Amino acid sequence: MEEGRKQTNYRKLYPNVKEEIYDVLERSDRKIKYSKYDLKTERCSIDYEKGTVTYIPSREDSFERLLEGNRQFAAESESVEDTAVKTVMIEKMLDCIKQLTSKEQELITELFFMDKSERQLSLETGIPYMTIHDRKVKILGKLKKLMKK
């Protein structure tokens, strides 16, 4: 018997169970069958009056098969709205950085734009690591407040 058509006789398997339990078991079997077989099988619709056969693809298909059929997909690039929001936020951030003192700007530039670690900057400048860390936290808090304005 085909696996997709096999039904379990729960009444025979569990004879002393309430009717509601049988209903739940049969419905869950039907849901499993739907997700395993019905979504994945292809069908054809036959119109006997017109004499036409229409192919209905499965509702779940493989990416490779869709590519072979020259299907078009939405680009995975960033949307125009996201790009616009990002641009506005970058401009606002740069304006906020310009409001910092020159020493604060220098620290932010070294840490975030030149990708230096706090420890690396500490070795280069001779300033203790914790001092650099505390300054960074303070500057980031200041930037956060400026961004909210």
Protein backbone atom coordinates (compact mmCIF):
# COMPACT_ATOMS: atom_id res chain seq x y z
CA MET A 1 0.00 0.00 0.00
CA GLU A 2 1.26 3.53 -0.77
CA GLU A 3 2.65 5.23 2.32
CA GLY A 4 0.65 8.41 1.79
CA ARG A 5 -2.66 6.51 1.71
CA LYS A 6 -2.13 4.18 4.69
CA GLN A 7 -4.52 4.83 7.58
CA THR A 8 -4.11 3.62 11.12
CA ASN A 9 -7.18 2.05 12.70
CA TYR A 10 -6.98 3.63 16.15
CA ARG A 11 -10.24 2.00 17.30
CA LYS A 12 -8.69 -1.42 16.80
CA LEU A 13 -5.29 -0.35 18.16
CA TYR A 14 -6.71 1.36 21.29
CA PRO A 15 -10.11 -0.20 22.00
CA ASN A 16 -10.77 1.36 25.42
CA VAL A 17 -10.31 5.06 24.52
CA LYS A 18 -12.92 7.83 24.29
CA GLU A 19 -14.28 8.89 20.91
CA GLU A 20 -12.70 12.38 21.27
CA ILE A 21 -9.24 10.80 21.42
CA TYR A 22 -9.91 8.93 18.17
CA ASP A 23 -10.94 12.21 16.53
CA VAL A 24 -7.78 13.96 17.69
CA LEU A 25 -5.56 11.12 16.49
CA GLU A 26 -7.25 10.99 13.07
CA ARG A 27 -7.03 14.79 12.65
CA SER A 28 -3.34 14.76 13.57
CA ASP A 29 -2.77 11.98 11.02
CA ARG A 30 -4.51 14.09 8.40
CA LYS A 31 -2.32 17.12 9.23
CA ILE A 32 0.81 15.00 8.95
CA LYS A 33 -0.36 13.59 5.62
CA TYR A 34 -1.06 17.11 4.38
CA SER A 35 2.41 18.39 5.31
CA LYS A 36 4.25 15.27 4.09
CA TYR A 37 2.38 14.48 0.89
CA ASP A 38 -0.33 16.92 -0.21
CA LEU A 39 1.94 19.96 -0.27
CA LYS A 40 4.62 18.13 -2.20
CA THR A 41 2.60 16.28 -4.85
CA GLU A 42 1.91 17.62 -8.30
CA ARG A 43 -1.58 17.40 -9.73
CA CYS A 44 -3.27 17.75 -13.05
CA SER A 45 -6.74 19.09 -13.60
CA ILE A 46 -8.73 17.62 -16.48
CA ASP A 47 -11.52 19.63 -18.07
CA TYR A 48 -13.53 17.04 -20.00
CA GLU A 49 -15.84 19.63 -21.59
CA LYS A 50 -13.01 21.67 -23.11
CA GLY A 51 -10.71 18.71 -23.53
CA THR A 52 -7.80 20.36 -21.71
CA VAL A 53 -5.38 19.17 -19.09
CA THR A 54 -3.88 21.75 -16.73
CA TYR A 55 -0.74 20.94 -14.77
CA ILE A 56 -0.83 22.18 -11.16
CA PRO A 57 2.63 22.18 -9.55
CA SER A 58 3.12 21.26 -5.92
CA ARG A 59 2.74 24.03 -3.41
CA GLU A 60 6.15 23.22 -2.01
CA ASP A 61 8.95 23.17 -4.55
CA SER A 62 12.71 22.97 -4.56
CA PHE A 63 14.82 26.01 -5.24
CA GLU A 64 16.80 24.15 -7.90
CA ARG A 65 13.67 23.18 -9.80
CA LEU A 66 12.40 26.75 -9.74
CA LEU A 67 15.74 27.98 -11.07
CA GLU A 68 15.58 25.44 -13.90
CA GLY A 69 12.16 26.81 -14.80
CA ASN A 70 13.65 30.32 -15.09
CA ARG A 71 11.54 31.66 -12.22
CA GLN A 72 12.32 35.18 -11.08
CA PHE A 73 13.14 35.85 -7.44
CA ALA A 74 13.31 39.07 -5.50
CA ALA A 75 16.83 40.39 -5.16
CA GLU A 76 18.46 39.73 -1.81
CA SER A 77 19.80 43.26 -1.68
CA GLU A 78 18.76 45.87 0.82
CA SER A 79 15.44 47.61 0.16
CA VAL A 80 15.31 51.25 -0.90
CA GLU A 81 13.61 52.22 2.37
CA ASP A 82 16.30 50.51 4.47
CA THR A 83 19.04 52.19 2.43
CA ALA A 84 17.42 55.61 2.92
CA VAL A 85 17.02 55.12 6.67
CA LYS A 86 20.60 53.91 6.97
CA THR A 87 21.90 56.94 5.05
CA VAL A 88 19.95 59.36 7.25
CA MET A 89 21.20 57.62 10.41
CA ILE A 90 24.82 57.75 9.21
CA GLU A 91 24.51 61.46 8.45
CA LYS A 92 23.02 62.10 11.88
CA MET A 93 25.78 60.06 13.55
CA LEU A 94 28.49 62.01 11.72
CA ASP A 95 26.87 65.29 12.80
CA CYS A 96 26.82 64.06 16.40
CA ILE A 97 30.49 63.03 16.20
CA LYS A 98 31.35 66.54 15.00
CA GLN A 99 29.83 67.90 18.23
CA LEU A 100 32.37 65.95 20.32
CA THR A 101 35.66 67.43 21.48
CA SER A 102 38.74 66.75 19.37
CA LYS A 103 40.10 64.21 21.91
CA GLU A 104 36.76 62.37 21.95
CA GLN A 105 36.65 62.37 18.14
CA GLU A 106 40.20 61.00 18.05
CA LEU A 107 39.32 58.14 20.41
CA ILE A 108 36.18 57.22 18.45
CA THR A 109 38.09 57.38 15.15
CA GLU A 110 40.84 55.10 16.45
CA LEU A 111 38.46 52.56 17.99
CA PHE A 112 35.68 52.40 15.40
CA PHE A 113 37.01 53.70 12.11
CA MET A 114 40.57 52.34 12.31
CA ASP A 115 39.44 49.10 14.02
CA LYS A 116 41.91 49.30 16.88
CA SER A 117 41.17 47.51 20.11
CA GLU A 118 41.18 49.30 23.44
CA ARG A 119 44.26 47.32 24.51
CA GLN A 120 46.10 48.12 21.27
CA LEU A 121 45.31 51.83 21.70
CA SER A 122 46.44 51.61 25.32
CA LEU A 123 49.84 50.22 24.27
CA GLU A 124 50.27 52.87 21.55
CA THR A 125 49.32 55.88 23.69
CA GLY A 126 50.53 54.73 27.10
CA ILE A 127 47.07 55.48 28.57
CA PRO A 128 45.80 52.70 30.87
CA TYR A 129 43.34 50.30 29.27
CA MET A 130 40.56 50.97 31.81
CA THR A 131 40.88 54.73 31.25
CA ILE A 132 40.36 54.24 27.52
CA HIS A 133 37.44 51.91 28.18
CA ASP A 134 35.78 54.34 30.59
CA ARG A 135 36.24 57.24 28.15
CA LYS A 136 34.74 55.17 25.34
CA VAL A 137 31.68 54.27 27.44
CA LYS A 138 31.24 57.93 28.43
CA ILE A 139 31.55 59.11 24.80
CA LEU A 140 29.10 56.48 23.55
CA GLY A 141 26.60 57.59 26.19
CA LYS A 142 27.07 61.18 25.03
CA LEU A 143 26.54 60.13 21.40
CA LYS A 144 23.40 58.24 22.35
CA LYS A 145 21.95 61.36 23.97
CA LEU A 146 22.90 63.47 20.93
CA MET A 147 21.26 60.95 18.58
CA LYS A 148 17.97 61.14 20.49
CA LYS A 149 17.70 64.91 19.96
